[in-house]
């Protein structure tokens, strides 16, 4: 469609798909789990059916919240998504979110748990 400002027939057309209740739900995640299963999508600000023939799938809007199974190990994982435009057409190519952590515990030896000392 091009830049919104250049549209002749619908100059105020929204950039993303909005359902019949006026709720923007343009993001589709083919899986609620990341590629290696380290992350899971737990909720989103908005959820509802995707447009048209994809209405059996769930689409999301707003912030999408994910949860890691173990954040104390390093990881490099991905989450794939698609975006619906204002006409309800899904993007031809998937987008990828790279989830990377190099964080480790403060004691990288990963030894035994806590304890106490008396004086």
PDB file of N, CA and C in Angstrom:
ATOM      1  N   UNK A   1       0.815  -1.199   0.000  1.00  0.00           N
ATOM      2  CA  UNK A   1       0.000   0.000   0.000  1.00  0.00           C
ATOM      3  C   UNK A   1       0.858   1.263   0.000  1.00  0.00           C
ATOM      4  N   UNK A   2       2.038   1.207   0.569  1.00  0.00           N
ATOM      5  CA  UNK A   2       2.903   2.375   0.656  1.00  0.00           C
ATOM      6  C   UNK A   2       2.645   3.170   1.917  1.00  0.00           C
ATOM      7  N   UNK A   3       3.292   4.326   2.041  1.00  0.00           N
ATOM      8  CA  UNK A   3       3.103   5.168   3.219  1.00  0.00           C
ATOM      9  C   UNK A   3       1.643   5.590   3.376  1.00  0.00           C
ATOM     10  N   UNK A   4       1.155   5.606   4.608  1.00  0.00           N
ATOM     11  CA  UNK A   4      -0.250   5.924   4.876  1.00  0.00           C
ATOM     12  C   UNK A   4      -0.629   7.284   4.308  1.00  0.00           C
ATOM     13  N   UNK A   5       0.252   8.266   4.407  1.00  0.00           N
ATOM     14  CA  UNK A   5      -0.037   9.608   3.923  1.00  0.00           C
ATOM     15  C   UNK A   5      -0.266   9.691   2.424  1.00  0.00           C
ATOM     16  N   UNK A   6       0.165   8.684   1.665  1.00  0.00           N
ATOM     17  CA  UNK A   6       0.002   8.715   0.209  1.00  0.00           C
ATOM     18  C   UNK A   6      -1.228   7.954  -0.265  1.00  0.00           C
ATOM     19  N   UNK A   7      -1.972   7.360   0.643  1.00  0.00           N
ATOM     20  CA  UNK A   7      -3.163   6.608   0.256  1.00  0.00           C
ATOM     21  C   UNK A   7      -4.263   7.558  -0.200  1.00  0.00           C
ATOM     22  N   UNK A   8      -4.858   7.272  -1.337  1.00  0.00           N
ATOM     23  CA  UNK A   8      -5.887   8.132  -1.904  1.00  0.00           C
ATOM     24  C   UNK A   8      -7.269   7.738  -1.392  1.00  0.00           C
ATOM     25  N   UNK A   9      -7.584   6.434  -1.389  1.00  0.00           N
ATOM     26  CA  UNK A   9      -8.934   5.997  -1.029  1.00  0.00           C
ATOM     27  C   UNK A   9      -9.162   5.936   0.479  1.00  0.00           C
ATOM     28  N   UNK A  10      -8.140   5.657   1.261  1.00  0.00           N
ATOM     29  CA  UNK A  10      -8.279   5.582   2.726  1.00  0.00           C
ATOM     30  C   UNK A  10      -7.081   6.272   3.382  1.00  0.00           C
ATOM     31  N   UNK A  11      -7.060   7.609   3.396  1.00  0.00           N
ATOM     32  CA  UNK A  11      -5.889   8.312   3.920  1.00  0.00           C
ATOM     33  C   UNK A  11      -5.642   8.095   5.418  1.00  0.00           C
ATOM     34  N   UNK A  12      -6.646   7.703   6.177  1.00  0.00           N
ATOM     35  CA  UNK A  12      -6.481   7.485   7.618  1.00  0.00           C
ATOM     36  C   UNK A  12      -6.463   6.002   7.974  1.00  0.00           C
ATOM     37  N   UNK A  13      -6.102   5.189   7.027  1.00  0.00           N
ATOM     38  CA  UNK A  13      -6.060   3.743   7.213  1.00  0.00           C
ATOM     39  C   UNK A  13      -5.034   3.389   8.297  1.00  0.00           C
ATOM     40  N   UNK A  14      -5.401   2.515   9.248  1.00  0.00           N
ATOM     41  CA  UNK A  14      -4.439   2.130  10.286  1.00  0.00           C
ATOM     42  C   UNK A  14      -3.318   1.276   9.686  1.00  0.00           C
ATOM     43  N   UNK A  15      -2.143   1.276  10.301  1.00  0.00           N
ATOM     44  CA  UNK A  15      -1.035   0.497   9.744  1.00  0.00           C
ATOM     45  C   UNK A  15      -1.187  -1.014   9.946  1.00  0.00           C
ATOM     46  N   UNK A  16      -1.947  -1.417  10.974  1.00  0.00           N
ATOM     47  CA  UNK A  16      -2.094  -2.836  11.290  1.00  0.00           C
ATOM     48  C   UNK A  16      -3.560  -3.231  11.350  1.00  0.00           C
ATOM     49  N   UNK A  17      -3.807  -4.532  11.371  1.00  0.00           N
ATOM     50  CA  UNK A  17      -5.168  -5.058  11.395  1.00  0.00           C
ATOM     51  C   UNK A  17      -5.880  -4.726  12.703  1.00  0.00           C
ATOM     52  N   UNK A  18      -7.118  -4.255  12.588  1.00  0.00           N
ATOM     53  CA  UNK A  18      -7.987  -3.935  13.721  1.00  0.00           C
ATOM     54  C   UNK A  18      -9.266  -4.743  13.533  1.00  0.00           C
ATOM     55  N   UNK A  19      -9.698  -5.467  14.588  1.00  0.00           N
ATOM     56  CA  UNK A  19     -10.901  -6.301  14.434  1.00  0.00           C
ATOM     57  C   UNK A  19     -12.166  -5.446  14.423  1.00  0.00           C
ATOM     58  N   UNK A  20     -13.324  -6.078  14.277  1.00  0.00           N
ATOM     59  CA  UNK A  20     -14.587  -5.341  14.155  1.00  0.00           C
ATOM     60  C   UNK A  20     -14.992  -4.622  15.437  1.00  0.00           C
ATOM     61  N   UNK A  21     -14.322  -4.906  16.549  1.00  0.00           N
ATOM     62  CA  UNK A  21     -14.586  -4.211  17.816  1.00  0.00           C
ATOM     63  C   UNK A  21     -13.605  -3.063  18.043  1.00  0.00           C
ATOM     64  N   UNK A  22     -12.752  -2.801  17.046  1.00  0.00           N
ATOM     65  CA  UNK A  22     -11.788  -1.712  17.141  1.00  0.00           C
ATOM     66  C   UNK A  22     -10.522  -2.065  17.904  1.00  0.00           C
ATOM     67  N   UNK A  23     -10.268  -3.365  18.103  1.00  0.00           N
ATOM     68  CA  UNK A  23      -9.094  -3.814  18.850  1.00  0.00           C
ATOM     69  C   UNK A  23      -7.989  -4.213  17.871  1.00  0.00           C
ATOM     70  N   UNK A  24      -6.812  -3.618  18.053  1.00  0.00           N
ATOM     71  CA  UNK A  24      -5.671  -3.925  17.194  1.00  0.00           C
ATOM     72  C   UNK A  24      -5.031  -5.242  17.643  1.00  0.00           C
ATOM     73  N   UNK A  25      -5.066  -6.254  16.759  1.00  0.00           N
ATOM     74  CA  UNK A  25      -4.512  -7.586  17.047  1.00  0.00           C
ATOM     75  C   UNK A  25      -3.682  -8.067  15.853  1.00  0.00           C
ATOM     76  N   UNK A  26      -2.570  -7.402  15.544  1.00  0.00           N
ATOM     77  CA  UNK A  26      -1.870  -7.727  14.306  1.00  0.00           C
ATOM     78  C   UNK A  26      -0.818  -8.838  14.382  1.00  0.00           C
ATOM     79  N   UNK A  27      -0.475  -9.315  15.566  1.00  0.00           N
ATOM     80  CA  UNK A  27       0.664 -10.228  15.692  1.00  0.00           C
ATOM     81  C   UNK A  27       0.207 -11.675  15.833  1.00  0.00           C
ATOM     82  N   UNK A  28       0.757 -12.533  14.997  1.00  0.00           N
ATOM     83  CA  UNK A  28       0.461 -13.965  15.057  1.00  0.00           C
ATOM     84  C   UNK A  28       1.745 -14.729  15.355  1.00  0.00           C
ATOM     85  N   UNK A  29       1.701 -15.558  16.385  1.00  0.00           N
ATOM     86  CA  UNK A  29       2.828 -16.414  16.746  1.00  0.00           C
ATOM     87  C   UNK A  29       2.466 -17.851  16.381  1.00  0.00           C
ATOM     88  N   UNK A  30       3.156 -18.462  15.418  1.00  0.00           N
ATOM     89  CA  UNK A  30       2.834 -19.837  15.037  1.00  0.00           C
ATOM     90  C   UNK A  30       2.969 -20.823  16.197  1.00  0.00           C
ATOM     91  N   UNK A  31       3.823 -20.498  17.162  1.00  0.00           N
ATOM     92  CA  UNK A  31       4.007 -21.352  18.333  1.00  0.00           C
ATOM     93  C   UNK A  31       4.160 -20.472  19.564  1.00  0.00           C
ATOM     94  N   UNK A  32       3.568 -20.888  20.687  1.00  0.00           N
ATOM     95  CA  UNK A  32       3.723 -20.137  21.935  1.00  0.00           C
ATOM     96  C   UNK A  32       5.029 -20.498  22.634  1.00  0.00           C
ATOM     97  N   UNK A  33       5.807 -21.399  22.030  1.00  0.00           N
ATOM     98  CA  UNK A  33       7.110 -21.774  22.573  1.00  0.00           C
ATOM     99  C   UNK A  33       8.202 -21.349  21.605  1.00  0.00           C
ATOM    100  N   UNK A  34       9.347 -20.942  22.154  1.00  0.00           N
ATOM    101  CA  UNK A  34      10.471 -20.573  21.310  1.00  0.00           C
ATOM    102  C   UNK A  34      11.035 -21.821  20.629  1.00  0.00           C
ATOM    103  N   UNK A  35      11.900 -21.609  19.666  1.00  0.00           N
ATOM    104  CA  UNK A  35      12.429 -22.703  18.838  1.00  0.00           C
ATOM    105  C   UNK A  35      12.991 -23.854  19.675  1.00  0.00           C
ATOM    106  N   UNK A  36      13.812 -23.539  20.675  1.00  0.00           N
ATOM    107  CA  UNK A  36      14.425 -24.579  21.507  1.00  0.00           C
ATOM    108  C   UNK A  36      13.633 -24.867  22.774  1.00  0.00           C
ATOM    109  N   UNK A  37      12.462 -24.253  22.919  1.00  0.00           N
ATOM    110  CA  UNK A  37      11.601 -24.526  24.065  1.00  0.00           C
ATOM    111  C   UNK A  37      12.020 -23.863  25.359  1.00  0.00           C
ATOM    112  N   UNK A  38      12.926 -22.896  25.293  1.00  0.00           N
ATOM    113  CA  UNK A  38      13.401 -22.220  26.501  1.00  0.00           C
ATOM    114  C   UNK A  38      12.375 -21.204  26.990  1.00  0.00           C
ATOM    115  N   UNK A  39      11.633 -20.600  26.068  1.00  0.00           N
ATOM    116  CA  UNK A  39      10.658 -19.570  26.417  1.00  0.00           C
ATOM    117  C   UNK A  39       9.247 -19.990  26.057  1.00  0.00           C
ATOM    118  N   UNK A  40       8.291 -19.495  26.850  1.00  0.00           N
ATOM    119  CA  UNK A  40       6.877 -19.719  26.591  1.00  0.00           C
ATOM    120  C   UNK A  40       6.157 -18.384  26.681  1.00  0.00           C
ATOM    121  N   UNK A  41       5.266 -18.119  25.734  1.00  0.00           N
ATOM    122  CA  UNK A  41       4.426 -16.927  25.797  1.00  0.00           C
ATOM    123  C   UNK A  41       3.370 -17.187  26.866  1.00  0.00           C
ATOM    124  N   UNK A  42       3.294 -16.316  27.873  1.00  0.00           N
ATOM    125  CA  UNK A  42       2.344 -16.536  28.960  1.00  0.00           C
ATOM    126  C   UNK A  42       1.089 -15.686  28.844  1.00  0.00           C
ATOM    127  N   UNK A  43       1.205 -14.484  28.274  1.00  0.00           N
ATOM    128  CA  UNK A  43       0.017 -13.645  28.084  1.00  0.00           C
ATOM    129  C   UNK A  43       0.360 -12.459  27.196  1.00  0.00           C
ATOM    130  N   UNK A  44      -0.674 -11.735  26.814  1.00  0.00           N
ATOM    131  CA  UNK A  44      -0.511 -10.512  26.031  1.00  0.00           C
ATOM    132  C   UNK A  44      -1.541  -9.504  26.519  1.00  0.00           C
ATOM    133  N   UNK A  45      -1.299  -8.231  26.226  1.00  0.00           N
ATOM    134  CA  UNK A  45      -2.263  -7.195  26.607  1.00  0.00           C
ATOM    135  C   UNK A  45      -3.619  -7.449  25.959  1.00  0.00           C
ATOM    136  N   UNK A  46      -3.586  -7.892  24.688  1.00  0.00           N
ATOM    137  CA  UNK A  46      -4.829  -8.167  23.964  1.00  0.00           C
ATOM    138  C   UNK A  46      -4.686  -9.476  23.197  1.00  0.00           C
ATOM    139  N   UNK A  47      -5.755 -10.274  23.193  1.00  0.00           N
ATOM    140  CA  UNK A  47      -5.782 -11.534  22.440  1.00  0.00           C
ATOM    141  C   UNK A  47      -7.136 -11.684  21.774  1.00  0.00           C
ATOM    142  N   UNK A  48      -7.152 -12.317  20.628  1.00  0.00           N
ATOM    143  CA  UNK A  48      -8.403 -12.584  19.933  1.00  0.00           C
ATOM    144  C   UNK A  48      -8.135 -13.344  18.653  1.00  0.00           C
ATOM    145  N   UNK A  49      -9.196 -13.719  17.943  1.00  0.00           N
ATOM    146  CA  UNK A  49      -9.019 -14.461  16.695  1.00  0.00           C
ATOM    147  C   UNK A  49      -8.303 -13.623  15.635  1.00  0.00           C
ATOM    148  N   UNK A  50      -7.486 -14.286  14.840  1.00  0.00           N
ATOM    149  CA  UNK A  50      -6.841 -13.640  13.699  1.00  0.00           C
ATOM    150  C   UNK A  50      -7.905 -13.359  12.635  1.00  0.00           C
ATOM    151  N   UNK A  51      -7.592 -12.532  11.637  1.00  0.00           N
ATOM    152  CA  UNK A  51      -8.596 -12.183  10.628  1.00  0.00           C
ATOM    153  C   UNK A  51      -8.894 -13.291   9.620  1.00  0.00           C
ATOM    154  N   UNK A  52     -10.099 -13.202   9.042  1.00  0.00           N
ATOM    155  CA  UNK A  52     -10.505 -14.024   7.903  1.00  0.00           C
ATOM    156  C   UNK A  52     -10.351 -15.516   8.070  1.00  0.00           C
ATOM    157  N   UNK A  53      -9.732 -16.142   7.079  1.00  0.00           N
ATOM    158  CA  UNK A  53      -9.589 -17.598   7.059  1.00  0.00           C
ATOM    159  C   UNK A  53      -8.669 -18.112   8.164  1.00  0.00           C
ATOM    160  N   UNK A  54      -7.946 -17.227   8.819  1.00  0.00           N
ATOM    161  CA  UNK A  54      -7.049 -17.617   9.913  1.00  0.00           C
ATOM    162  C   UNK A  54      -7.698 -17.459  11.285  1.00  0.00           C
ATOM    163  N   UNK A  55      -9.014 -17.294  11.325  1.00  0.00           N
ATOM    164  CA  UNK A  55      -9.705 -16.999  12.586  1.00  0.00           C
ATOM    165  C   UNK A  55      -9.594 -18.111  13.632  1.00  0.00           C
ATOM    166  N   UNK A  56      -9.138 -19.295  13.239  1.00  0.00           N
ATOM    167  CA  UNK A  56      -8.925 -20.372  14.220  1.00  0.00           C
ATOM    168  C   UNK A  56      -7.650 -20.140  15.026  1.00  0.00           C
ATOM    169  N   UNK A  57      -6.786 -19.258  14.531  1.00  0.00           N
ATOM    170  CA  UNK A  57      -5.537 -18.929  15.227  1.00  0.00           C
ATOM    171  C   UNK A  57      -5.753 -17.737  16.151  1.00  0.00           C
ATOM    172  N   UNK A  58      -4.906 -17.615  17.158  1.00  0.00           N
ATOM    173  CA  UNK A  58      -4.965 -16.484  18.088  1.00  0.00           C
ATOM    174  C   UNK A  58      -3.964 -15.424  17.661  1.00  0.00           C
ATOM    175  N   UNK A  59      -4.425 -14.174  17.612  1.00  0.00           N
ATOM    176  CA  UNK A  59      -3.558 -13.037  17.329  1.00  0.00           C
ATOM    177  C   UNK A  59      -3.432 -12.186  18.586  1.00  0.00           C
ATOM    178  N   UNK A  60      -2.365 -11.399  18.628  1.00  0.00           N
ATOM    179  CA  UNK A  60      -2.046 -10.632  19.827  1.00  0.00           C
ATOM    180  C   UNK A  60      -1.842  -9.162  19.491  1.00  0.00           C
ATOM    181  N   UNK A  61      -2.035  -8.321  20.505  1.00  0.00           N
ATOM    182  CA  UNK A  61      -1.781  -6.902  20.388  1.00  0.00           C
ATOM    183  C   UNK A  61      -1.192  -6.378  21.681  1.00  0.00           C
ATOM    184  N   UNK A  62      -0.526  -5.255  21.602  1.00  0.00           N
ATOM    185  CA  UNK A  62       0.095  -4.679  22.794  1.00  0.00           C
ATOM    186  C   UNK A  62       1.360  -5.427  23.168  1.00  0.00           C
ATOM    187  N   UNK A  63       1.670  -5.430  24.461  1.00  0.00           N
ATOM    188  CA  UNK A  63       2.851  -6.143  24.948  1.00  0.00           C
ATOM    189  C   UNK A  63       2.579  -7.635  25.011  1.00  0.00           C
ATOM    190  N   UNK A  64       3.566  -8.408  24.638  1.00  0.00           N
ATOM    191  CA  UNK A  64       3.489  -9.863  24.741  1.00  0.00           C
ATOM    192  C   UNK A  64       4.518 -10.280  25.781  1.00  0.00           C
ATOM    193  N   UNK A  65       4.077 -11.045  26.761  1.00  0.00           N
ATOM    194  CA  UNK A  65       4.935 -11.425  27.880  1.00  0.00           C
ATOM    195  C   UNK A  65       5.390 -12.868  27.734  1.00  0.00           C
ATOM    196  N   UNK A  66       6.708 -13.073  27.857  1.00  0.00           N
ATOM    197  CA  UNK A  66       7.262 -14.413  27.758  1.00  0.00           C
ATOM    198  C   UNK A  66       7.968 -14.764  29.060  1.00  0.00           C
ATOM    199  N   UNK A  67       8.083 -16.046  29.317  1.00  0.00           N
ATOM    200  CA  UNK A  67       8.729 -16.509  30.540  1.00  0.00           C
ATOM    201  C   UNK A  67       9.763 -17.562  30.181  1.00  0.00           C
ATOM    202  N   UNK A  68      10.945 -17.440  30.776  1.00  0.00           N
ATOM    203  CA  UNK A  68      12.022 -18.401  30.542  1.00  0.00           C
ATOM    204  C   UNK A  68      11.912 -19.558  31.523  1.00  0.00           C
ATOM    205  N   UNK A  69      12.294 -20.740  31.059  1.00  0.00           N
ATOM    206  CA  UNK A  69      12.291 -21.909  31.936  1.00  0.00           C
ATOM    207  C   UNK A  69      13.486 -21.889  32.873  1.00  0.00           C
ATOM    208  N   UNK A  70      14.632 -21.383  32.424  1.00  0.00           N
ATOM    209  CA  UNK A  70      15.825 -21.326  33.257  1.00  0.00           C
ATOM    210  C   UNK A  70      16.691 -20.178  32.766  1.00  0.00           C
ATOM    211  N   UNK A  71      16.803 -19.133  33.560  1.00  0.00           N
ATOM    212  CA  UNK A  71      17.573 -17.966  33.134  1.00  0.00           C
ATOM    213  C   UNK A  71      19.004 -17.983  33.658  1.00  0.00           C
ATOM    214  N   UNK A  72      19.389 -19.009  34.413  1.00  0.00           N
ATOM    215  CA  UNK A  72      20.745 -19.062  34.956  1.00  0.00           C
ATOM    216  C   UNK A  72      21.741 -19.701  33.996  1.00  0.00           C
ATOM    217  N   UNK A  73      21.266 -20.271  32.922  1.00  0.00           N
ATOM    218  CA  UNK A  73      22.151 -20.821  31.899  1.00  0.00           C
ATOM    219  C   UNK A  73      22.163 -19.885  30.704  1.00  0.00           C
ATOM    220  N   UNK A  74      23.262 -19.893  29.989  1.00  0.00           N
ATOM    221  CA  UNK A  74      23.303 -19.091  28.769  1.00  0.00           C
ATOM    222  C   UNK A  74      22.381 -19.735  27.736  1.00  0.00           C
ATOM    223  N   UNK A  75      21.841 -18.926  26.859  1.00  0.00           N
ATOM    224  CA  UNK A  75      20.972 -19.457  25.817  1.00  0.00           C
ATOM    225  C   UNK A  75      20.968 -18.534  24.618  1.00  0.00           C
ATOM    226  N   UNK A  76      20.579 -19.077  23.507  1.00  0.00           N
ATOM    227  CA  UNK A  76      20.409 -18.344  22.265  1.00  0.00           C
ATOM    228  C   UNK A  76      19.217 -18.997  21.582  1.00  0.00           C
ATOM    229  N   UNK A  77      18.073 -18.362  21.615  1.00  0.00           N
ATOM    230  CA  UNK A  77      16.836 -18.960  21.131  1.00  0.00           C
ATOM    231  C   UNK A  77      16.095 -17.941  20.266  1.00  0.00           C
ATOM    232  N   UNK A  78      15.090 -18.382  19.555  1.00  0.00           N
ATOM    233  CA  UNK A  78      14.325 -17.491  18.688  1.00  0.00           C
ATOM    234  C   UNK A  78      12.831 -17.737  18.831  1.00  0.00           C
ATOM    235  N   UNK A  79      12.075 -16.699  18.535  1.00  0.00           N
ATOM    236  CA  UNK A  79      10.618 -16.758  18.504  1.00  0.00           C
ATOM    237  C   UNK A  79      10.195 -16.153  17.164  1.00  0.00           C
ATOM    238  N   UNK A  80       9.355 -16.852  16.429  1.00  0.00           N
ATOM    239  CA  UNK A  80       8.925 -16.416  15.102  1.00  0.00           C
ATOM    240  C   UNK A  80       7.548 -15.761  15.182  1.00  0.00           C
ATOM    241  N   UNK A  81       7.335 -14.718  14.381  1.00  0.00           N
ATOM    242  CA  UNK A  81       6.040 -14.036  14.361  1.00  0.00           C
ATOM    243  C   UNK A  81       5.704 -13.556  12.950  1.00  0.00           C
ATOM    244  N   UNK A  82       4.415 -13.308  12.730  1.00  0.00           N
ATOM    245  CA  UNK A  82       3.908 -12.701  11.497  1.00  0.00           C
ATOM    246  C   UNK A  82       3.072 -11.493  11.890  1.00  0.00           C
ATOM    247  N   UNK A  83       2.885 -10.564  10.960  1.00  0.00           N
ATOM    248  CA  UNK A  83       2.097  -9.360  11.214  1.00  0.00           C
ATOM    249  C   UNK A  83       1.014  -9.236  10.140  1.00  0.00           C
ATOM    250  N   UNK A  84      -0.211  -8.918  10.576  1.00  0.00           N
ATOM    251  CA  UNK A  84      -1.317  -8.664   9.648  1.00  0.00           C
ATOM    252  C   UNK A  84      -1.411  -7.170   9.383  1.00  0.00           C
ATOM    253  N   UNK A  85      -1.549  -6.798   8.108  1.00  0.00           N
ATOM    254  CA  UNK A  85      -1.726  -5.385   7.780  1.00  0.00           C
ATOM    255  C   UNK A  85      -3.196  -5.002   7.950  1.00  0.00           C
ATOM    256  N   UNK A  86      -3.511  -3.754   7.680  1.00  0.00           N
ATOM    257  CA  UNK A  86      -4.869  -3.241   7.896  1.00  0.00           C
ATOM    258  C   UNK A  86      -5.925  -3.980   7.087  1.00  0.00           C
ATOM    259  N   UNK A  87      -5.534  -4.580   5.978  1.00  0.00           N
ATOM    260  CA  UNK A  87      -6.475  -5.325   5.138  1.00  0.00           C
ATOM    261  C   UNK A  87      -6.658  -6.766   5.602  1.00  0.00           C
ATOM    262  N   UNK A  88      -5.951  -7.155   6.668  1.00  0.00           N
ATOM    263  CA  UNK A  88      -6.045  -8.524   7.164  1.00  0.00           C
ATOM    264  C   UNK A  88      -5.170  -9.496   6.403  1.00  0.00           C
ATOM    265  N   UNK A  89      -4.188  -8.974   5.681  1.00  0.00           N
ATOM    266  CA  UNK A  89      -3.259  -9.817   4.931  1.00  0.00           C
ATOM    267  C   UNK A  89      -2.015 -10.069   5.773  1.00  0.00           C
ATOM    268  N   UNK A  90      -1.654 -11.342   5.903  1.00  0.00           N
ATOM    269  CA  UNK A  90      -0.496 -11.707   6.722  1.00  0.00           C
ATOM    270  C   UNK A  90       0.799 -11.403   5.971  1.00  0.00           C
ATOM    271  N   UNK A  91       1.849 -11.051   6.715  1.00  0.00           N
ATOM    272  CA  UNK A  91       3.141 -10.774   6.095  1.00  0.00           C
ATOM    273  C   UNK A  91       3.645 -12.013   5.358  1.00  0.00           C
ATOM    274  N   UNK A  92       4.280 -11.795   4.221  1.00  0.00           N
ATOM    275  CA  UNK A  92       4.762 -12.906   3.400  1.00  0.00           C
ATOM    276  C   UNK A  92       5.944 -13.618   4.050  1.00  0.00           C
ATOM    277  N   UNK A  93       6.708 -12.886   4.820  1.00  0.00           N
ATOM    278  CA  UNK A  93       7.899 -13.450   5.447  1.00  0.00           C
ATOM    279  C   UNK A  93       7.781 -13.310   6.963  1.00  0.00           C
ATOM    280  N   UNK A  94       8.172 -14.352   7.675  1.00  0.00           N
ATOM    281  CA  UNK A  94       8.129 -14.323   9.139  1.00  0.00           C
ATOM    282  C   UNK A  94       9.217 -13.417   9.687  1.00  0.00           C
ATOM    283  N   UNK A  95       8.911 -12.771  10.811  1.00  0.00           N
ATOM    284  CA  UNK A  95       9.909 -12.023  11.549  1.00  0.00           C
ATOM    285  C   UNK A  95      10.491 -12.930  12.621  1.00  0.00           C
ATOM    286  N   UNK A  96      11.663 -12.599  13.104  1.00  0.00           N
ATOM    287  CA  UNK A  96      12.313 -13.403  14.133  1.00  0.00           C
ATOM    288  C   UNK A  96      12.756 -12.515  15.280  1.00  0.00           C
ATOM    289  N   UNK A  97      12.417 -12.928  16.483  1.00  0.00           N
ATOM    290  CA  UNK A  97      12.895 -12.263  17.690  1.00  0.00           C
ATOM    291  C   UNK A  97      14.016 -13.133  18.237  1.00  0.00           C
ATOM    292  N   UNK A  98      15.211 -12.564  18.388  1.00  0.00           N
ATOM    293  CA  UNK A  98      16.338 -13.300  18.949  1.00  0.00           C
ATOM    294  C   UNK A  98      16.371 -13.101  20.454  1.00  0.00           C
ATOM    295  N   UNK A  99      16.351 -14.197  21.177  1.00  0.00           N
ATOM    296  CA  UNK A  99      16.382 -14.182  22.635  1.00  0.00           C
ATOM    297  C   UNK A  99      17.743 -14.718  23.063  1.00  0.00           C
ATOM    298  N   UNK A 100      18.600 -13.830  23.588  1.00  0.00           N
ATOM    299  CA  UNK A 100      19.976 -14.202  23.892  1.00  0.00           C
ATOM    300  C   UNK A 100      20.307 -13.806  25.320  1.00  0.00           C
ATOM    301  N   UNK A 101      20.959 -14.713  26.036  1.00  0.00           N
ATOM    302  CA  UNK A 101      21.443 -14.390  27.373  1.00  0.00           C
ATOM    303  C   UNK A 101      22.829 -14.975  27.555  1.00  0.00           C
ATOM    304  N   UNK A 102      23.731 -14.142  28.032  1.00  0.00           N
ATOM    305  CA  UNK A 102      25.066 -14.606  28.389  1.00  0.00           C
ATOM    306  C   UNK A 102      25.229 -14.592  29.897  1.00  0.00           C
ATOM    307  N   UNK A 103      24.143 -14.306  30.609  1.00  0.00           N
ATOM    308  CA  UNK A 103      24.182 -14.199  32.066  1.00  0.00           C
ATOM    309  C   UNK A 103      24.427 -15.557  32.711  1.00  0.00           C
ATOM    310  N   UNK A 104      25.136 -15.527  33.816  1.00  0.00           N
ATOM    311  CA  UNK A 104      25.342 -16.723  34.629  1.00  0.00           C
ATOM    312  C   UNK A 104      25.150 -16.328  36.082  1.00  0.00           C
ATOM    313  N   UNK A 105      25.236 -17.286  36.963  1.00  0.00           N
ATOM    314  CA  UNK A 105      25.139 -16.980  38.387  1.00  0.00           C
ATOM    315  C   UNK A 105      26.385 -16.230  38.814  1.00  0.00           C
ATOM    316  N   UNK A 106      26.371 -15.625  40.001  1.00  0.00           N
ATOM    317  CA  UNK A 106      27.537 -14.883  40.476  1.00  0.00           C
ATOM    318  C   UNK A 106      28.700 -15.813  40.774  1.00  0.00           C
ATOM    319  N   UNK A 107      28.427 -17.069  41.093  1.00  0.00           N
ATOM    320  CA  UNK A 107      29.471 -18.061  41.322  1.00  0.00           C
ATOM    321  C   UNK A 107      29.400 -19.056  40.178  1.00  0.00           C
ATOM    322  N   UNK A 108      30.222 -18.844  39.185  1.00  0.00           N
ATOM    323  CA  UNK A 108      30.121 -19.663  37.981  1.00  0.00           C
ATOM    324  C   UNK A 108      30.570 -21.104  38.169  1.00  0.00           C
ATOM    325  N   UNK A 109      31.076 -21.442  39.365  1.00  0.00           N
ATOM    326  CA  UNK A 109      31.487 -22.828  39.596  1.00  0.00           C
ATOM    327  C   UNK A 109      30.273 -23.731  39.773  1.00  0.00           C
ATOM    328  N   UNK A 110      29.110 -23.127  40.024  1.00  0.00           N
ATOM    329  CA  UNK A 110      27.858 -23.862  40.178  1.00  0.00           C
ATOM    330  C   UNK A 110      27.932 -24.900  41.290  1.00  0.00           C
ATOM    331  N   UNK A 111      28.613 -24.573  42.351  1.00  0.00           N
ATOM    332  CA  UNK A 111      28.765 -25.492  43.482  1.00  0.00           C
ATOM    333  C   UNK A 111      27.504 -25.604  44.310  1.00  0.00           C
ATOM    334  N   UNK A 112      27.620 -26.206  45.483  1.00  0.00           N
ATOM    335  CA  UNK A 112      26.482 -26.438  46.371  1.00  0.00           C
ATOM    336  C   UNK A 112      25.839 -25.164  46.866  1.00  0.00           C
ATOM    337  N   UNK A 113      24.716 -25.326  47.545  1.00  0.00           N
ATOM    338  CA  UNK A 113      23.905 -24.207  48.016  1.00  0.00           C
ATOM    339  C   UNK A 113      24.511 -23.473  49.191  1.00  0.00           C
ATOM    340  N   UNK A 114      23.710 -22.612  49.821  1.00  0.00           N
ATOM    341  CA  UNK A 114      24.136 -21.713  50.887  1.00  0.00           C
ATOM    342  C   UNK A 114      24.611 -22.404  52.148  1.00  0.00           C
ATOM    343  N   UNK A 115      24.644 -21.681  53.208  1.00  0.00           N
ATOM    344  CA  UNK A 115      25.106 -22.196  54.491  1.00  0.00           C
ATOM    345  C   UNK A 115      25.235 -21.052  55.464  1.00  0.00           C
ATOM    346  N   UNK A 116      25.802 -21.325  56.622  1.00  0.00           N
ATOM    347  CA  UNK A 116      26.007 -20.263  57.609  1.00  0.00           C
ATOM    348  C   UNK A 116      27.300 -20.527  58.352  1.00  0.00           C
ATOM    349  N   UNK A 117      27.755 -19.511  59.012  1.00  0.00           N
ATOM    350  CA  UNK A 117      28.968 -19.630  59.808  1.00  0.00           C
ATOM    351  C   UNK A 117      28.716 -18.970  61.151  1.00  0.00           C
ATOM    352  N   UNK A 118      29.177 -19.569  62.215  1.00  0.00           N
ATOM    353  CA  UNK A 118      29.016 -18.979  63.543  1.00  0.00           C
ATOM    354  C   UNK A 118      30.358 -18.540  64.092  1.00  0.00           C
ATOM    355  N   UNK A 119      30.340 -17.450  64.823  1.00  0.00           N
ATOM    356  CA  UNK A 119      31.586 -16.952  65.407  1.00  0.00           C
ATOM    357  C   UNK A 119      31.445 -16.935  66.909  1.00  0.00           C
TER     358      UNK A 119
END
